[in-house]
């Protein structure tokens, strides 16, 4: 790949520019990805730098206002390149730029594009972290679903409630009728009823409800997160994270409720109540992923703060 060049002959610069543009066009024919975008931008940056070396003064006068605006976002206020660039932007169009002036313009453009690439790399790194976390959560949810199907009684997601001397068992997919207790006060058939209602699909059903709840909160949260024109798909990565998180929170939230560890909730008496709470718990994943939403918005702002000068 051609990089920033020290070539000074116009014809040689034109050949290097053409080579970089051809390389960028070749990358466009490949499957769109973050890595291919990085390569394309590197080629375009190199071509742009050489074009600025060849461009007539009239073109530079027209390009400077936009370059100054981007340089103010990419460079420190006391950066000598920025200070000199601002001076050059005030020069009347009848004044020709010297070779030193061109070097300042080129150096400023390079700095802007380098800052843009660094921000994009941070965005890609953040996306990879989200996808890796999502993958881990999906694996955990899958394992829980498989174990729940193989051993229906493994996860305590069925609730027992009593009315006088009668007991009722409520699971996510079914609720038993009231069952009489035995004379000694214990409920002899509760375990049998629970085993019958412990359907292999209970765990998968709870996770599905968590996904539904998460989907609702995601629809509300994502509308506030602006999309990106680059192939990073950060919004999609966040959607996947939220749904995977919602599935697990719904499952383990119901288990915590059954264990009496959720203040204010004692027993869920019917399947309808279990379903409702699973949806609520899936929606509540926003309490955890909201922090990630804010970080994602911040990363996108950093990327867009410095737009490309090309």
C-alpha atoms as a PDB file:
ATOM      1  CA  UNK A   1       0.000   0.000   0.000  1.00  0.00           C
ATOM      2  CA  UNK A   2       1.293   3.436  -0.890  1.00  0.00           C
ATOM      3  CA  UNK A   3       1.732   5.695   2.134  1.00  0.00           C
ATOM      4  CA  UNK A   4       2.573   9.353   2.655  1.00  0.00           C
ATOM      5  CA  UNK A   5       5.241  10.022   0.047  1.00  0.00           C
ATOM      6  CA  UNK A   6       8.295  12.241  -0.156  1.00  0.00           C
ATOM      7  CA  UNK A   7       8.109  12.310  -3.987  1.00  0.00           C
ATOM      8  CA  UNK A   8       8.152  15.868  -5.300  1.00  0.00           C
ATOM      9  CA  UNK A   9       7.876  15.500  -9.105  1.00  0.00           C
ATOM     10  CA  UNK A  10       4.287  16.188 -10.248  1.00  0.00           C
ATOM     11  CA  UNK A  11       4.204  13.242 -12.665  1.00  0.00           C
ATOM     12  CA  UNK A  12       5.421  10.864  -9.991  1.00  0.00           C
ATOM     13  CA  UNK A  13       2.857  12.239  -7.548  1.00  0.00           C
ATOM     14  CA  UNK A  14       0.118  11.667 -10.105  1.00  0.00           C
ATOM     15  CA  UNK A  15       1.243   8.052 -10.531  1.00  0.00           C
ATOM     16  CA  UNK A  16       1.208   7.502  -6.776  1.00  0.00           C
ATOM     17  CA  UNK A  17      -2.256   9.086  -6.510  1.00  0.00           C
ATOM     18  CA  UNK A  18      -3.539   6.844  -9.290  1.00  0.00           C
ATOM     19  CA  UNK A  19      -2.039   3.800  -7.600  1.00  0.00           C
ATOM     20  CA  UNK A  20      -3.732   4.620  -4.300  1.00  0.00           C
ATOM     21  CA  UNK A  21      -7.090   5.244  -5.961  1.00  0.00           C
ATOM     22  CA  UNK A  22      -6.837   1.939  -7.839  1.00  0.00           C
ATOM     23  CA  UNK A  23      -6.042   0.130  -4.591  1.00  0.00           C
ATOM     24  CA  UNK A  24      -9.022   1.766  -2.878  1.00  0.00           C
ATOM     25  CA  UNK A  25     -11.286   0.795  -5.779  1.00  0.00           C
ATOM     26  CA  UNK A  26     -10.042  -2.789  -5.556  1.00  0.00           C
ATOM     27  CA  UNK A  27     -11.012  -2.894  -1.882  1.00  0.00           C
ATOM     28  CA  UNK A  28     -14.494  -1.649  -2.773  1.00  0.00           C
ATOM     29  CA  UNK A  29     -15.044  -4.866  -4.719  1.00  0.00           C
ATOM     30  CA  UNK A  30     -14.564  -6.955  -1.582  1.00  0.00           C
ATOM     31  CA  UNK A  31     -17.150  -7.804   1.051  1.00  0.00           C
ATOM     32  CA  UNK A  32     -17.815  -4.638   3.111  1.00  0.00           C
ATOM     33  CA  UNK A  33     -16.186  -4.820   6.523  1.00  0.00           C
ATOM     34  CA  UNK A  34     -14.493  -2.617   9.082  1.00  0.00           C
ATOM     35  CA  UNK A  35     -11.046  -3.827   8.008  1.00  0.00           C
ATOM     36  CA  UNK A  36     -11.682  -3.117   4.316  1.00  0.00           C
ATOM     37  CA  UNK A  37     -12.952   0.359   5.233  1.00  0.00           C
ATOM     38  CA  UNK A  38      -9.733   1.040   7.144  1.00  0.00           C
ATOM     39  CA  UNK A  39      -7.625   0.064   4.128  1.00  0.00           C
ATOM     40  CA  UNK A  40      -9.761   2.162   1.773  1.00  0.00           C
ATOM     41  CA  UNK A  41      -9.474   5.225   3.994  1.00  0.00           C
ATOM     42  CA  UNK A  42      -5.701   4.804   4.274  1.00  0.00           C
ATOM     43  CA  UNK A  43      -5.369   4.794   0.472  1.00  0.00           C
ATOM     44  CA  UNK A  44      -7.682   7.786   0.112  1.00  0.00           C
ATOM     45  CA  UNK A  45      -5.771   9.700   2.787  1.00  0.00           C
ATOM     46  CA  UNK A  46      -2.515   9.157   0.940  1.00  0.00           C
ATOM     47  CA  UNK A  47      -4.073  10.205  -2.362  1.00  0.00           C
ATOM     48  CA  UNK A  48      -5.594  13.295  -0.755  1.00  0.00           C
ATOM     49  CA  UNK A  49      -2.269  14.358   0.726  1.00  0.00           C
ATOM     50  CA  UNK A  50      -0.569  14.198  -2.649  1.00  0.00           C
ATOM     51  CA  UNK A  51      -3.469  16.032  -4.296  1.00  0.00           C
ATOM     52  CA  UNK A  52      -3.052  18.885  -1.832  1.00  0.00           C
ATOM     53  CA  UNK A  53       0.604  19.111  -2.867  1.00  0.00           C
ATOM     54  CA  UNK A  54      -0.438  19.470  -6.507  1.00  0.00           C
ATOM     55  CA  UNK A  55      -3.638  21.497  -6.126  1.00  0.00           C
ATOM     56  CA  UNK A  56      -3.721  25.073  -7.446  1.00  0.00           C
ATOM     57  CA  UNK A  57      -3.948  27.895  -4.940  1.00  0.00           C
ATOM     58  CA  UNK A  58      -7.568  28.597  -5.883  1.00  0.00           C
ATOM     59  CA  UNK A  59      -8.533  25.063  -4.812  1.00  0.00           C
ATOM     60  CA  UNK A  60      -6.668  25.391  -1.505  1.00  0.00           C
ATOM     61  CA  UNK A  61      -8.414  28.678  -0.753  1.00  0.00           C
ATOM     62  CA  UNK A  62     -11.767  26.945  -1.211  1.00  0.00           C
ATOM     63  CA  UNK A  63     -10.800  23.892   0.868  1.00  0.00           C
ATOM     64  CA  UNK A  64      -9.281  25.751   3.820  1.00  0.00           C
ATOM     65  CA  UNK A  65     -12.488  26.796   5.654  1.00  0.00           C
ATOM     66  CA  UNK A  66     -13.627  23.180   5.979  1.00  0.00           C
ATOM     67  CA  UNK A  67     -10.119  22.004   6.860  1.00  0.00           C
ATOM     68  CA  UNK A  68      -9.809  24.656   9.577  1.00  0.00           C
ATOM     69  CA  UNK A  69     -13.135  23.574  11.074  1.00  0.00           C
ATOM     70  CA  UNK A  70     -12.031  19.937  11.233  1.00  0.00           C
ATOM     71  CA  UNK A  71      -8.543  20.807  12.464  1.00  0.00           C
ATOM     72  CA  UNK A  72     -10.037  22.704  15.414  1.00  0.00           C
ATOM     73  CA  UNK A  73     -11.694  19.450  16.486  1.00  0.00           C
ATOM     74  CA  UNK A  74      -8.648  17.270  15.902  1.00  0.00           C
ATOM     75  CA  UNK A  75      -5.791  19.488  17.116  1.00  0.00           C
ATOM     76  CA  UNK A  76      -5.054  21.218  20.396  1.00  0.00           C
ATOM     77  CA  UNK A  77      -5.878  24.946  20.454  1.00  0.00           C
ATOM     78  CA  UNK A  78      -2.184  25.817  20.824  1.00  0.00           C
ATOM     79  CA  UNK A  79      -1.003  23.448  18.080  1.00  0.00           C
ATOM     80  CA  UNK A  80       1.303  25.365  15.745  1.00  0.00           C
ATOM     81  CA  UNK A  81      -0.228  23.697  12.690  1.00  0.00           C
ATOM     82  CA  UNK A  82      -3.688  24.898  13.660  1.00  0.00           C
ATOM     83  CA  UNK A  83      -2.494  28.415  14.439  1.00  0.00           C
ATOM     84  CA  UNK A  84      -0.715  28.707  11.100  1.00  0.00           C
ATOM     85  CA  UNK A  85      -3.644  27.138   9.244  1.00  0.00           C
ATOM     86  CA  UNK A  86      -6.022  29.716  10.701  1.00  0.00           C
ATOM     87  CA  UNK A  87      -3.687  32.457   9.510  1.00  0.00           C
ATOM     88  CA  UNK A  88      -3.588  30.991   6.000  1.00  0.00           C
ATOM     89  CA  UNK A  89      -7.388  30.844   5.897  1.00  0.00           C
ATOM     90  CA  UNK A  90      -7.538  34.626   6.288  1.00  0.00           C
ATOM     91  CA  UNK A  91      -5.267  35.280   3.307  1.00  0.00           C
ATOM     92  CA  UNK A  92      -7.009  36.789   0.293  1.00  0.00           C
ATOM     93  CA  UNK A  93      -7.444  34.533  -2.741  1.00  0.00           C
ATOM     94  CA  UNK A  94      -5.120  36.670  -4.825  1.00  0.00           C
ATOM     95  CA  UNK A  95      -2.164  35.615  -2.655  1.00  0.00           C
ATOM     96  CA  UNK A  96      -0.226  32.519  -3.718  1.00  0.00           C
ATOM     97  CA  UNK A  97       0.692  29.965  -1.064  1.00  0.00           C
ATOM     98  CA  UNK A  98       4.367  29.176  -0.626  1.00  0.00           C
ATOM     99  CA  UNK A  99       5.739  25.648  -0.424  1.00  0.00           C
ATOM    100  CA  UNK A 100       5.957  26.008   3.352  1.00  0.00           C
ATOM    101  CA  UNK A 101       2.298  27.039   3.424  1.00  0.00           C
ATOM    102  CA  UNK A 102       1.389  23.922   1.452  1.00  0.00           C
ATOM    103  CA  UNK A 103       3.308  21.773   3.905  1.00  0.00           C
ATOM    104  CA  UNK A 104       1.285  23.252   6.763  1.00  0.00           C
ATOM    105  CA  UNK A 105      -1.956  22.524   4.912  1.00  0.00           C
ATOM    106  CA  UNK A 106      -0.858  18.969   4.126  1.00  0.00           C
ATOM    107  CA  UNK A 107       0.297  18.340   7.697  1.00  0.00           C
ATOM    108  CA  UNK A 108      -3.018  19.597   9.056  1.00  0.00           C
ATOM    109  CA  UNK A 109      -4.998  17.364   6.694  1.00  0.00           C
ATOM    110  CA  UNK A 110      -2.892  14.377   7.716  1.00  0.00           C
ATOM    111  CA  UNK A 111      -3.515  15.127  11.403  1.00  0.00           C
ATOM    112  CA  UNK A 112      -7.276  15.366  10.841  1.00  0.00           C
ATOM    113  CA  UNK A 113      -7.383  12.058   8.993  1.00  0.00           C
ATOM    114  CA  UNK A 114      -5.178  10.312  11.546  1.00  0.00           C
ATOM    115  CA  UNK A 115      -7.491  11.425  14.345  1.00  0.00           C
ATOM    116  CA  UNK A 116     -10.445  10.177  12.334  1.00  0.00           C
ATOM    117  CA  UNK A 117      -8.825   6.757  11.892  1.00  0.00           C
ATOM    118  CA  UNK A 118      -7.992   6.526  15.599  1.00  0.00           C
ATOM    119  CA  UNK A 119     -11.609   7.244  16.493  1.00  0.00           C
ATOM    120  CA  UNK A 120     -12.828   4.641  14.029  1.00  0.00           C
ATOM    121  CA  UNK A 121     -10.460   2.080  15.510  1.00  0.00           C
ATOM    122  CA  UNK A 122     -11.884   2.844  18.956  1.00  0.00           C
ATOM    123  CA  UNK A 123     -15.368   2.345  17.557  1.00  0.00           C
ATOM    124  CA  UNK A 124     -14.413  -1.001  16.023  1.00  0.00           C
ATOM    125  CA  UNK A 125     -12.751  -2.124  19.263  1.00  0.00           C
ATOM    126  CA  UNK A 126     -15.861  -1.167  21.234  1.00  0.00           C
ATOM    127  CA  UNK A 127     -18.052  -3.090  18.787  1.00  0.00           C
ATOM    128  CA  UNK A 128     -15.873  -6.188  19.118  1.00  0.00           C
ATOM    129  CA  UNK A 129     -16.155  -6.056  22.909  1.00  0.00           C
ATOM    130  CA  UNK A 130     -19.944  -5.833  22.660  1.00  0.00           C
ATOM    131  CA  UNK A 131     -20.102  -8.761  20.237  1.00  0.00           C
ATOM    132  CA  UNK A 132     -17.791 -10.877  22.403  1.00  0.00           C
ATOM    133  CA  UNK A 133     -19.931 -10.166  25.460  1.00  0.00           C
ATOM    134  CA  UNK A 134     -23.079 -10.949  23.500  1.00  0.00           C
ATOM    135  CA  UNK A 135     -21.585 -14.225  22.306  1.00  0.00           C
ATOM    136  CA  UNK A 136     -20.800 -15.236  25.882  1.00  0.00           C
ATOM    137  CA  UNK A 137     -24.339 -14.434  27.026  1.00  0.00           C
ATOM    138  CA  UNK A 138     -25.849 -16.366  24.118  1.00  0.00           C
ATOM    139  CA  UNK A 139     -23.734 -19.392  25.022  1.00  0.00           C
ATOM    140  CA  UNK A 140     -24.891 -19.183  28.646  1.00  0.00           C
ATOM    141  CA  UNK A 141     -28.534 -18.832  27.578  1.00  0.00           C
ATOM    142  CA  UNK A 142     -28.185 -21.802  25.235  1.00  0.00           C
ATOM    143  CA  UNK A 143     -26.607 -23.953  27.942  1.00  0.00           C
ATOM    144  CA  UNK A 144     -29.392 -23.002  30.356  1.00  0.00           C
ATOM    145  CA  UNK A 145     -32.006 -23.878  27.746  1.00  0.00           C
ATOM    146  CA  UNK A 146     -30.421 -27.247  26.993  1.00  0.00           C
ATOM    147  CA  UNK A 147     -30.061 -28.126  30.679  1.00  0.00           C
ATOM    148  CA  UNK A 148     -33.629 -27.004  31.340  1.00  0.00           C
ATOM    149  CA  UNK A 149     -34.877 -29.239  28.549  1.00  0.00           C
ATOM    150  CA  UNK A 150     -32.848 -32.235  29.690  1.00  0.00           C
ATOM    151  CA  UNK A 151     -33.542 -31.743  33.403  1.00  0.00           C
ATOM    152  CA  UNK A 152     -36.875 -29.868  33.732  1.00  0.00           C
ATOM    153  CA  UNK A 153     -36.659 -29.649  37.534  1.00  0.00           C
ATOM    154  CA  UNK A 154     -33.091 -28.328  37.593  1.00  0.00           C
ATOM    155  CA  UNK A 155     -34.054 -24.637  37.642  1.00  0.00           C
ATOM    156  CA  UNK A 156     -36.660 -23.692  40.290  1.00  0.00           C
ATOM    157  CA  UNK A 157     -39.053 -21.650  38.178  1.00  0.00           C
ATOM    158  CA  UNK A 158     -42.296 -23.139  39.547  1.00  0.00           C
ATOM    159  CA  UNK A 159     -44.051 -21.500  42.515  1.00  0.00           C
ATOM    160  CA  UNK A 160     -46.255 -23.072  45.194  1.00  0.00           C
ATOM    161  CA  UNK A 161     -48.952 -21.134  47.000  1.00  0.00           C
ATOM    162  CA  UNK A 162     -51.424 -22.235  49.663  1.00  0.00           C
ATOM    163  CA  UNK A 163     -55.028 -21.357  50.336  1.00  0.00           C
ATOM    164  CA  UNK A 164     -56.164 -22.780  53.700  1.00  0.00           C
ATOM    165  CA  UNK A 165     -55.122 -26.431  53.526  1.00  0.00           C
ATOM    166  CA  UNK A 166     -54.841 -26.560  49.762  1.00  0.00           C
ATOM    167  CA  UNK A 167     -51.828 -25.962  47.534  1.00  0.00           C
ATOM    168  CA  UNK A 168     -51.434 -24.719  43.991  1.00  0.00           C
ATOM    169  CA  UNK A 169     -48.384 -25.029  41.744  1.00  0.00           C
ATOM    170  CA  UNK A 170     -47.702 -22.405  39.065  1.00  0.00           C
ATOM    171  CA  UNK A 171     -45.086 -22.875  36.341  1.00  0.00           C
ATOM    172  CA  UNK A 172     -44.372 -20.649  33.328  1.00  0.00           C
ATOM    173  CA  UNK A 173     -46.401 -22.818  30.956  1.00  0.00           C
ATOM    174  CA  UNK A 174     -49.142 -24.189  33.247  1.00  0.00           C
ATOM    175  CA  UNK A 175     -50.902 -23.785  36.608  1.00  0.00           C
ATOM    176  CA  UNK A 176     -52.240 -26.737  38.599  1.00  0.00           C
ATOM    177  CA  UNK A 177     -55.699 -26.796  40.209  1.00  0.00           C
ATOM    178  CA  UNK A 178     -55.872 -26.534  44.010  1.00  0.00           C
ATOM    179  CA  UNK A 179     -54.649 -29.779  45.571  1.00  0.00           C
ATOM    180  CA  UNK A 180     -55.716 -31.133  48.972  1.00  0.00           C
ATOM    181  CA  UNK A 181     -53.087 -31.568  51.667  1.00  0.00           C
ATOM    182  CA  UNK A 182     -52.552 -34.753  53.623  1.00  0.00           C
ATOM    183  CA  UNK A 183     -53.687 -34.934  57.267  1.00  0.00           C
ATOM    184  CA  UNK A 184     -50.296 -34.282  58.885  1.00  0.00           C
ATOM    185  CA  UNK A 185     -50.195 -30.827  57.345  1.00  0.00           C
ATOM    186  CA  UNK A 186     -47.563 -31.504  54.693  1.00  0.00           C
ATOM    187  CA  UNK A 187     -48.420 -31.513  51.044  1.00  0.00           C
ATOM    188  CA  UNK A 188     -47.672 -35.020  49.871  1.00  0.00           C
ATOM    189  CA  UNK A 189     -48.449 -34.549  46.200  1.00  0.00           C
ATOM    190  CA  UNK A 190     -46.774 -31.159  45.670  1.00  0.00           C
ATOM    191  CA  UNK A 191     -43.550 -32.655  44.364  1.00  0.00           C
ATOM    192  CA  UNK A 192     -45.493 -34.895  42.021  1.00  0.00           C
ATOM    193  CA  UNK A 193     -47.551 -31.998  40.679  1.00  0.00           C
ATOM    194  CA  UNK A 194     -44.439 -29.838  40.309  1.00  0.00           C
ATOM    195  CA  UNK A 195     -42.691 -32.623  38.419  1.00  0.00           C
ATOM    196  CA  UNK A 196     -45.660 -32.907  36.080  1.00  0.00           C
ATOM    197  CA  UNK A 197     -45.743 -29.165  35.417  1.00  0.00           C
ATOM    198  CA  UNK A 198     -41.962 -28.846  35.050  1.00  0.00           C
ATOM    199  CA  UNK A 199     -42.176 -28.875  31.277  1.00  0.00           C
ATOM    200  CA  UNK A 200     -38.858 -29.139  29.364  1.00  0.00           C
ATOM    201  CA  UNK A 201     -39.827 -25.951  27.515  1.00  0.00           C
ATOM    202  CA  UNK A 202     -40.196 -23.825  30.679  1.00  0.00           C
ATOM    203  CA  UNK A 203     -36.651 -22.443  30.610  1.00  0.00           C
ATOM    204  CA  UNK A 204     -36.641 -21.720  26.889  1.00  0.00           C
ATOM    205  CA  UNK A 205     -40.062 -20.096  27.254  1.00  0.00           C
ATOM    206  CA  UNK A 206     -38.816 -17.789  30.025  1.00  0.00           C
ATOM    207  CA  UNK A 207     -35.792 -16.813  27.951  1.00  0.00           C
ATOM    208  CA  UNK A 208     -38.063 -16.101  24.992  1.00  0.00           C
ATOM    209  CA  UNK A 209     -40.208 -13.849  27.177  1.00  0.00           C
ATOM    210  CA  UNK A 210     -37.050 -12.062  28.295  1.00  0.00           C
ATOM    211  CA  UNK A 211     -36.120 -11.489  24.657  1.00  0.00           C
ATOM    212  CA  UNK A 212     -39.577 -10.026  23.990  1.00  0.00           C
ATOM    213  CA  UNK A 213     -39.279  -7.670  26.944  1.00  0.00           C
ATOM    214  CA  UNK A 214     -35.785  -6.659  25.864  1.00  0.00           C
ATOM    215  CA  UNK A 215     -37.008  -6.054  22.309  1.00  0.00           C
ATOM    216  CA  UNK A 216     -39.525  -3.518  23.571  1.00  0.00           C
ATOM    217  CA  UNK A 217     -36.961  -1.593  25.597  1.00  0.00           C
ATOM    218  CA  UNK A 218     -34.509  -1.844  22.708  1.00  0.00           C
ATOM    219  CA  UNK A 219     -36.990  -0.257  20.318  1.00  0.00           C
ATOM    220  CA  UNK A 220     -37.276   2.682  22.695  1.00  0.00           C
ATOM    221  CA  UNK A 221     -33.553   2.981  23.455  1.00  0.00           C
ATOM    222  CA  UNK A 222     -32.187   2.520  19.933  1.00  0.00           C
ATOM    223  CA  UNK A 223     -34.277   5.380  18.528  1.00  0.00           C
ATOM    224  CA  UNK A 224     -32.074   7.699  20.567  1.00  0.00           C
ATOM    225  CA  UNK A 225     -28.883   6.174  19.171  1.00  0.00           C
ATOM    226  CA  UNK A 226     -28.096   7.597  15.771  1.00  0.00           C
ATOM    227  CA  UNK A 227     -27.050   5.105  13.118  1.00  0.00           C
ATOM    228  CA  UNK A 228     -23.716   5.167  11.350  1.00  0.00           C
ATOM    229  CA  UNK A 229     -22.990   5.037   7.636  1.00  0.00           C
ATOM    230  CA  UNK A 230     -19.913   2.901   8.230  1.00  0.00           C
ATOM    231  CA  UNK A 231     -20.027  -0.915   8.244  1.00  0.00           C
ATOM    232  CA  UNK A 232     -19.540  -1.172  12.013  1.00  0.00           C
ATOM    233  CA  UNK A 233     -23.217  -1.897  12.773  1.00  0.00           C
ATOM    234  CA  UNK A 234     -22.870  -0.696  16.349  1.00  0.00           C
ATOM    235  CA  UNK A 235     -26.633  -0.361  16.735  1.00  0.00           C
ATOM    236  CA  UNK A 236     -27.122  -3.976  15.661  1.00  0.00           C
ATOM    237  CA  UNK A 237     -24.456  -5.122  18.124  1.00  0.00           C
ATOM    238  CA  UNK A 238     -26.302  -3.300  20.910  1.00  0.00           C
ATOM    239  CA  UNK A 239     -29.610  -4.910  19.917  1.00  0.00           C
ATOM    240  CA  UNK A 240     -28.044  -8.365  20.111  1.00  0.00           C
ATOM    241  CA  UNK A 241     -26.506  -7.572  23.496  1.00  0.00           C
ATOM    242  CA  UNK A 242     -29.806  -6.345  24.903  1.00  0.00           C
ATOM    243  CA  UNK A 243     -31.801  -9.359  23.747  1.00  0.00           C
ATOM    244  CA  UNK A 244     -29.230 -11.822  25.099  1.00  0.00           C
ATOM    245  CA  UNK A 245     -29.133  -9.946  28.399  1.00  0.00           C
ATOM    246  CA  UNK A 246     -32.932  -9.866  28.570  1.00  0.00           C
ATOM    247  CA  UNK A 247     -33.152 -13.641  28.124  1.00  0.00           C
ATOM    248  CA  UNK A 248     -30.822 -14.362  31.038  1.00  0.00           C
ATOM    249  CA  UNK A 249     -32.243 -11.685  33.333  1.00  0.00           C
ATOM    250  CA  UNK A 250     -35.769 -13.042  32.820  1.00  0.00           C
ATOM    251  CA  UNK A 251     -34.663 -16.573  33.711  1.00  0.00           C
ATOM    252  CA  UNK A 252     -32.498 -15.792  36.704  1.00  0.00           C
ATOM    253  CA  UNK A 253     -34.839 -13.032  37.854  1.00  0.00           C
ATOM    254  CA  UNK A 254     -37.676 -15.549  38.185  1.00  0.00           C
ATOM    255  CA  UNK A 255     -35.325 -17.875  40.072  1.00  0.00           C
ATOM    256  CA  UNK A 256     -34.429 -15.047  42.473  1.00  0.00           C
ATOM    257  CA  UNK A 257     -38.111 -14.255  42.981  1.00  0.00           C
ATOM    258  CA  UNK A 258     -38.754 -17.919  43.763  1.00  0.00           C
ATOM    259  CA  UNK A 259     -35.932 -17.829  46.294  1.00  0.00           C
ATOM    260  CA  UNK A 260     -37.501 -14.819  48.015  1.00  0.00           C
ATOM    261  CA  UNK A 261     -34.555 -12.551  47.223  1.00  0.00           C
ATOM    262  CA  UNK A 262     -36.584  -9.855  45.459  1.00  0.00           C
ATOM    263  CA  UNK A 263     -38.118  -7.448  47.998  1.00  0.00           C
ATOM    264  CA  UNK A 264     -41.837  -6.881  47.637  1.00  0.00           C
ATOM    265  CA  UNK A 265     -42.514 -10.066  45.677  1.00  0.00           C
ATOM    266  CA  UNK A 266     -43.361 -13.192  47.618  1.00  0.00           C
ATOM    267  CA  UNK A 267     -45.124 -15.762  45.425  1.00  0.00           C
ATOM    268  CA  UNK A 268     -46.342 -15.727  41.839  1.00  0.00           C
ATOM    269  CA  UNK A 269     -49.642 -17.590  41.946  1.00  0.00           C
ATOM    270  CA  UNK A 270     -50.357 -18.213  38.269  1.00  0.00           C
ATOM    271  CA  UNK A 271     -48.616 -18.723  34.953  1.00  0.00           C
ATOM    272  CA  UNK A 272     -49.912 -15.326  33.874  1.00  0.00           C
ATOM    273  CA  UNK A 273     -48.053 -13.630  36.719  1.00  0.00           C
ATOM    274  CA  UNK A 274     -44.847 -15.504  35.892  1.00  0.00           C
ATOM    275  CA  UNK A 275     -45.158 -14.512  32.232  1.00  0.00           C
ATOM    276  CA  UNK A 276     -45.806 -10.883  33.133  1.00  0.00           C
ATOM    277  CA  UNK A 277     -42.804 -10.717  35.445  1.00  0.00           C
ATOM    278  CA  UNK A 278     -40.555 -12.405  32.873  1.00  0.00           C
ATOM    279  CA  UNK A 279     -41.512  -9.693  30.379  1.00  0.00           C
ATOM    280  CA  UNK A 280     -40.878  -6.983  32.964  1.00  0.00           C
ATOM    281  CA  UNK A 281     -37.497  -8.478  33.863  1.00  0.00           C
ATOM    282  CA  UNK A 282     -36.546  -8.693  30.187  1.00  0.00           C
ATOM    283  CA  UNK A 283     -37.468  -5.037  29.785  1.00  0.00           C
ATOM    284  CA  UNK A 284     -35.455  -4.203  32.903  1.00  0.00           C
ATOM    285  CA  UNK A 285     -32.202  -5.219  31.210  1.00  0.00           C
ATOM    286  CA  UNK A 286     -32.134  -1.575  30.103  1.00  0.00           C
ATOM    287  CA  UNK A 287     -31.033  -0.717  33.648  1.00  0.00           C
ATOM    288  CA  UNK A 288     -27.800  -2.621  32.960  1.00  0.00           C
ATOM    289  CA  UNK A 289     -27.269  -1.939  29.265  1.00  0.00           C
ATOM    290  CA  UNK A 290     -28.225   1.733  29.501  1.00  0.00           C
ATOM    291  CA  UNK A 291     -24.653   2.460  30.595  1.00  0.00           C
ATOM    292  CA  UNK A 292     -23.404   0.792  27.417  1.00  0.00           C
ATOM    293  CA  UNK A 293     -25.878   2.831  25.354  1.00  0.00           C
ATOM    294  CA  UNK A 294     -24.427   6.044  26.741  1.00  0.00           C
ATOM    295  CA  UNK A 295     -20.883   4.864  26.059  1.00  0.00           C
ATOM    296  CA  UNK A 296     -21.843   3.912  22.494  1.00  0.00           C
ATOM    297  CA  UNK A 297     -23.344   7.349  21.907  1.00  0.00           C
ATOM    298  CA  UNK A 298     -20.144   8.923  23.226  1.00  0.00           C
ATOM    299  CA  UNK A 299     -17.968   6.827  20.907  1.00  0.00           C
ATOM    300  CA  UNK A 300     -20.112   7.751  17.897  1.00  0.00           C
ATOM    301  CA  UNK A 301     -19.842  11.431  18.799  1.00  0.00           C
ATOM    302  CA  UNK A 302     -16.057  11.119  18.934  1.00  0.00           C
ATOM    303  CA  UNK A 303     -16.029   9.553  15.476  1.00  0.00           C
ATOM    304  CA  UNK A 304     -18.286  12.211  13.976  1.00  0.00           C
ATOM    305  CA  UNK A 305     -16.520  15.100  15.704  1.00  0.00           C
ATOM    306  CA  UNK A 306     -13.800  14.780  13.085  1.00  0.00           C
ATOM    307  CA  UNK A 307     -15.213  14.110   9.636  1.00  0.00           C
ATOM    308  CA  UNK A 308     -12.901  13.360   6.776  1.00  0.00           C
ATOM    309  CA  UNK A 309     -11.450  16.202   4.747  1.00  0.00           C
ATOM    310  CA  UNK A 310     -11.468  14.205   1.527  1.00  0.00           C
END
